[in-house]
Amino acid sequence: MIILGIILLIVGFVFGISILWTIGIVVLVIGLILMLLGSTGRAVGGRRHYY
């Protein structure tokens, strides 16, 4: 999710599409939250790791 968020941010910035920029930020933040929860040992949605 983190990589997808970064790709969406780049594409949205290069082509000037603001909705891709917004979706990229949201996906990136969700990916970072899931990564932090997984790294603390807390299972999220039945999975320990999201990568």
PDB file of N, CA and C in Angstrom:
ATOM      1  N   MET A   1       0.820  -1.195   0.000  1.00  0.00           N
ATOM      2  CA  MET A   1       0.000   0.000   0.000  1.00  0.00           C
ATOM      3  C   MET A   1       0.863   1.258   0.000  1.00  0.00           C
ATOM      4  N   ILE A   2       1.989   1.160   0.651  1.00  0.00           N
ATOM      5  CA  ILE A   2       2.872   2.323   0.716  1.00  0.00           C
ATOM      6  C   ILE A   2       3.411   2.648  -0.678  1.00  0.00           C
ATOM      7  N   ILE A   3       3.835   1.613  -1.394  1.00  0.00           N
ATOM      8  CA  ILE A   3       4.379   1.829  -2.733  1.00  0.00           C
ATOM      9  C   ILE A   3       3.285   2.338  -3.669  1.00  0.00           C
ATOM     10  N   LEU A   4       2.091   1.790  -3.557  1.00  0.00           N
ATOM     11  CA  LEU A   4       0.973   2.259  -4.379  1.00  0.00           C
ATOM     12  C   LEU A   4       0.664   3.730  -4.086  1.00  0.00           C
ATOM     13  N   GLY A   5       0.699   4.109  -2.816  1.00  0.00           N
ATOM     14  CA  GLY A   5       0.470   5.509  -2.445  1.00  0.00           C
ATOM     15  C   GLY A   5       1.509   6.438  -3.038  1.00  0.00           C
ATOM     16  N   ILE A   6       2.765   6.012  -3.014  1.00  0.00           N
ATOM     17  CA  ILE A   6       3.837   6.836  -3.575  1.00  0.00           C
ATOM     18  C   ILE A   6       3.671   6.969  -5.086  1.00  0.00           C
ATOM     19  N   ILE A   7       3.318   5.863  -5.748  1.00  0.00           N
ATOM     20  CA  ILE A   7       3.104   5.907  -7.201  1.00  0.00           C
ATOM     21  C   ILE A   7       1.955   6.848  -7.544  1.00  0.00           C
ATOM     22  N   LEU A   8       0.853   6.763  -6.797  1.00  0.00           N
ATOM     23  CA  LEU A   8      -0.279   7.648  -7.056  1.00  0.00           C
ATOM     24  C   LEU A   8       0.081   9.113  -6.823  1.00  0.00           C
ATOM     25  N   LEU A   9       0.880   9.374  -5.779  1.00  0.00           N
ATOM     26  CA  LEU A   9       1.326  10.748  -5.540  1.00  0.00           C
ATOM     27  C   LEU A   9       2.141  11.279  -6.704  1.00  0.00           C
ATOM     28  N   ILE A  10       3.062  10.470  -7.204  1.00  0.00           N
ATOM     29  CA  ILE A  10       3.923  10.905  -8.305  1.00  0.00           C
ATOM     30  C   ILE A  10       3.102  11.139  -9.569  1.00  0.00           C
ATOM     31  N   VAL A  11       2.218  10.183  -9.895  1.00  0.00           N
ATOM     32  CA  VAL A  11       1.403  10.319 -11.105  1.00  0.00           C
ATOM     33  C   VAL A  11       0.477  11.527 -10.989  1.00  0.00           C
ATOM     34  N   GLY A  12      -0.130  11.707  -9.826  1.00  0.00           N
ATOM     35  CA  GLY A  12      -1.008  12.852  -9.639  1.00  0.00           C
ATOM     36  C   GLY A  12      -0.278  14.171  -9.736  1.00  0.00           C
ATOM     37  N   PHE A  13       0.959  14.205  -9.255  1.00  0.00           N
ATOM     38  CA  PHE A  13       1.742  15.437  -9.329  1.00  0.00           C
ATOM     39  C   PHE A  13       2.200  15.725 -10.756  1.00  0.00           C
ATOM     40  N   VAL A  14       2.665  14.698 -11.448  1.00  0.00           N
ATOM     41  CA  VAL A  14       3.195  14.890 -12.801  1.00  0.00           C
ATOM     42  C   VAL A  14       2.092  15.309 -13.770  1.00  0.00           C
ATOM     43  N   PHE A  15       0.939  14.645 -13.694  1.00  0.00           N
ATOM     44  CA  PHE A  15      -0.134  14.934 -14.640  1.00  0.00           C
ATOM     45  C   PHE A  15      -1.124  15.978 -14.131  1.00  0.00           C
ATOM     46  N   GLY A  16      -0.948  16.442 -12.924  1.00  0.00           N
ATOM     47  CA  GLY A  16      -1.801  17.500 -12.394  1.00  0.00           C
ATOM     48  C   GLY A  16      -3.218  17.045 -12.070  1.00  0.00           C
ATOM     49  N   ILE A  17      -3.367  15.766 -11.720  1.00  0.00           N
ATOM     50  CA  ILE A  17      -4.692  15.223 -11.390  1.00  0.00           C
ATOM     51  C   ILE A  17      -4.810  15.215  -9.870  1.00  0.00           C
ATOM     52  N   SER A  18      -5.623  16.103  -9.344  1.00  0.00           N
ATOM     53  CA  SER A  18      -5.680  16.281  -7.893  1.00  0.00           C
ATOM     54  C   SER A  18      -6.323  15.101  -7.175  1.00  0.00           C
ATOM     55  N   ILE A  19      -7.242  14.391  -7.831  1.00  0.00           N
ATOM     56  CA  ILE A  19      -7.883  13.258  -7.159  1.00  0.00           C
ATOM     57  C   ILE A  19      -6.875  12.121  -6.928  1.00  0.00           C
ATOM     58  N   LEU A  20      -5.945  11.934  -7.858  1.00  0.00           N
ATOM     59  CA  LEU A  20      -4.893  10.927  -7.650  1.00  0.00           C
ATOM     60  C   LEU A  20      -3.973  11.337  -6.515  1.00  0.00           C
ATOM     61  N   TRP A  21      -3.699  12.623  -6.405  1.00  0.00           N
ATOM     62  CA  TRP A  21      -2.870  13.148  -5.317  1.00  0.00           C
ATOM     63  C   TRP A  21      -3.532  12.850  -3.977  1.00  0.00           C
ATOM     64  N   THR A  22      -4.848  13.108  -3.891  1.00  0.00           N
ATOM     65  CA  THR A  22      -5.584  12.877  -2.650  1.00  0.00           C
ATOM     66  C   THR A  22      -5.659  11.399  -2.309  1.00  0.00           C
ATOM     67  N   ILE A  23      -5.965  10.572  -3.288  1.00  0.00           N
ATOM     68  CA  ILE A  23      -6.033   9.129  -3.050  1.00  0.00           C
ATOM     69  C   ILE A  23      -4.662   8.595  -2.649  1.00  0.00           C
ATOM     70  N   GLY A  24      -3.609   9.103  -3.255  1.00  0.00           N
ATOM     71  CA  GLY A  24      -2.248   8.684  -2.913  1.00  0.00           C
ATOM     72  C   GLY A  24      -1.903   9.000  -1.468  1.00  0.00           C
ATOM     73  N   ILE A  25      -2.292  10.170  -0.996  1.00  0.00           N
ATOM     74  CA  ILE A  25      -2.031  10.533   0.400  1.00  0.00           C
ATOM     75  C   ILE A  25      -2.787   9.600   1.346  1.00  0.00           C
ATOM     76  N   VAL A  26      -4.055   9.336   1.036  1.00  0.00           N
ATOM     77  CA  VAL A  26      -4.871   8.468   1.897  1.00  0.00           C
ATOM     78  C   VAL A  26      -4.299   7.052   1.934  1.00  0.00           C
ATOM     79  N   VAL A  27      -3.954   6.501   0.769  1.00  0.00           N
ATOM     80  CA  VAL A  27      -3.406   5.143   0.713  1.00  0.00           C
ATOM     81  C   VAL A  27      -2.060   5.073   1.429  1.00  0.00           C
ATOM     82  N   LEU A  28      -1.252   6.085   1.275  1.00  0.00           N
ATOM     83  CA  LEU A  28       0.051   6.118   1.947  1.00  0.00           C
ATOM     84  C   LEU A  28      -0.108   6.151   3.461  1.00  0.00           C
ATOM     85  N   VAL A  29      -1.006   6.959   3.962  1.00  0.00           N
ATOM     86  CA  VAL A  29      -1.231   7.051   5.412  1.00  0.00           C
ATOM     87  C   VAL A  29      -1.776   5.730   5.953  1.00  0.00           C
ATOM     88  N   ILE A  30      -2.722   5.118   5.253  1.00  0.00           N
ATOM     89  CA  ILE A  30      -3.262   3.826   5.703  1.00  0.00           C
ATOM     90  C   ILE A  30      -2.167   2.768   5.706  1.00  0.00           C
ATOM     91  N   GLY A  31      -1.343   2.761   4.682  1.00  0.00           N
ATOM     92  CA  GLY A  31      -0.231   1.812   4.625  1.00  0.00           C
ATOM     93  C   GLY A  31       0.755   2.001   5.757  1.00  0.00           C
ATOM     94  N   LEU A  32       1.060   3.245   6.091  1.00  0.00           N
ATOM     95  CA  LEU A  32       1.980   3.509   7.202  1.00  0.00           C
ATOM     96  C   LEU A  32       1.381   3.085   8.539  1.00  0.00           C
ATOM     97  N   ILE A  33       0.085   3.314   8.718  1.00  0.00           N
ATOM     98  CA  ILE A  33      -0.578   2.902   9.962  1.00  0.00           C
ATOM     99  C   ILE A  33      -0.562   1.385  10.089  1.00  0.00           C
ATOM    100  N   LEU A  34      -0.871   0.672   9.006  1.00  0.00           N
ATOM    101  CA  LEU A  34      -0.852  -0.787   9.047  1.00  0.00           C
ATOM    102  C   LEU A  34       0.554  -1.316   9.289  1.00  0.00           C
ATOM    103  N   MET A  35       1.553  -0.652   8.710  1.00  0.00           N
ATOM    104  CA  MET A  35       2.933  -1.074   8.931  1.00  0.00           C
ATOM    105  C   MET A  35       3.335  -0.889  10.392  1.00  0.00           C
ATOM    106  N   LEU A  36       2.947   0.243  10.977  1.00  0.00           N
ATOM    107  CA  LEU A  36       3.276   0.490  12.383  1.00  0.00           C
ATOM    108  C   LEU A  36       2.583  -0.505  13.302  1.00  0.00           C
ATOM    109  N   LEU A  37       1.319  -0.792  13.046  1.00  0.00           N
ATOM    110  CA  LEU A  37       0.603  -1.764  13.873  1.00  0.00           C
ATOM    111  C   LEU A  37       1.197  -3.154  13.726  1.00  0.00           C
ATOM    112  N   GLY A  38       1.594  -3.515  12.517  1.00  0.00           N
ATOM    113  CA  GLY A  38       2.208  -4.819  12.294  1.00  0.00           C
ATOM    114  C   GLY A  38       3.576  -4.931  12.934  1.00  0.00           C
ATOM    115  N   SER A  39       4.332  -3.838  12.944  1.00  0.00           N
ATOM    116  CA  SER A  39       5.678  -3.890  13.526  1.00  0.00           C
ATOM    117  C   SER A  39       5.651  -3.933  15.044  1.00  0.00           C
ATOM    118  N   THR A  40       4.562  -3.515  15.667  1.00  0.00           N
ATOM    119  CA  THR A  40       4.461  -3.601  17.118  1.00  0.00           C
ATOM    120  C   THR A  40       3.991  -4.969  17.575  1.00  0.00           C
ATOM    121  N   GLY A  41       3.719  -5.873  16.617  1.00  0.00           N
ATOM    122  CA  GLY A  41       3.304  -7.224  16.970  1.00  0.00           C
ATOM    123  C   GLY A  41       1.801  -7.387  17.056  1.00  0.00           C
ATOM    124  N   ARG A  42       1.073  -6.368  16.742  1.00  0.00           N
ATOM    125  CA  ARG A  42      -0.378  -6.438  16.805  1.00  0.00           C
ATOM    126  C   ARG A  42      -0.914  -6.942  15.471  1.00  0.00           C
ATOM    127  N   ALA A  43      -1.707  -7.989  15.510  1.00  0.00           N
ATOM    128  CA  ALA A  43      -2.284  -8.541  14.289  1.00  0.00           C
ATOM    129  C   ALA A  43      -3.457  -7.673  13.850  1.00  0.00           C
ATOM    130  N   VAL A  44      -3.447  -7.253  12.602  1.00  0.00           N
ATOM    131  CA  VAL A  44      -4.513  -6.420  12.054  1.00  0.00           C
ATOM    132  C   VAL A  44      -5.198  -7.228  10.963  1.00  0.00           C
ATOM    133  N   GLY A  45      -6.479  -7.493  11.131  1.00  0.00           N
ATOM    134  CA  GLY A  45      -7.206  -8.252  10.134  1.00  0.00           C
ATOM    135  C   GLY A  45      -6.715  -9.681   9.999  1.00  0.00           C
ATOM    136  N   GLY A  46      -6.176 -10.248  11.062  1.00  0.00           N
ATOM    137  CA  GLY A  46      -5.686 -11.619  11.036  1.00  0.00           C
ATOM    138  C   GLY A  46      -4.301 -11.774  10.475  1.00  0.00           C
ATOM    139  N   ARG A  47      -3.648 -10.672  10.141  1.00  0.00           N
ATOM    140  CA  ARG A  47      -2.288 -10.743   9.581  1.00  0.00           C
ATOM    141  C   ARG A  47      -1.330  -9.949  10.464  1.00  0.00           C
ATOM    142  N   ARG A  48      -0.149 -10.468  10.629  1.00  0.00           N
ATOM    143  CA  ARG A  48       0.864  -9.777  11.421  1.00  0.00           C
ATOM    144  C   ARG A  48       1.633  -8.751  10.600  1.00  0.00           C
ATOM    145  N   HIS A  49       1.811  -9.010   9.311  1.00  0.00           N
ATOM    146  CA  HIS A  49       2.640  -8.143   8.478  1.00  0.00           C
ATOM    147  C   HIS A  49       1.879  -7.727   7.239  1.00  0.00           C
ATOM    148  N   TYR A  50       2.040  -6.497   6.835  1.00  0.00           N
ATOM    149  CA  TYR A  50       1.497  -5.963   5.601  1.00  0.00           C
ATOM    150  C   TYR A  50       2.637  -5.426   4.773  1.00  0.00           C
ATOM    151  N   TYR A  51       3.099  -6.219   3.820  1.00  0.00           N
ATOM    152  CA  TYR A  51       4.128  -5.760   2.898  1.00  0.00           C
ATOM    153  C   TYR A  51       4.191  -6.644   1.698  1.00  0.00           C
TER     154      TYR A  51
END
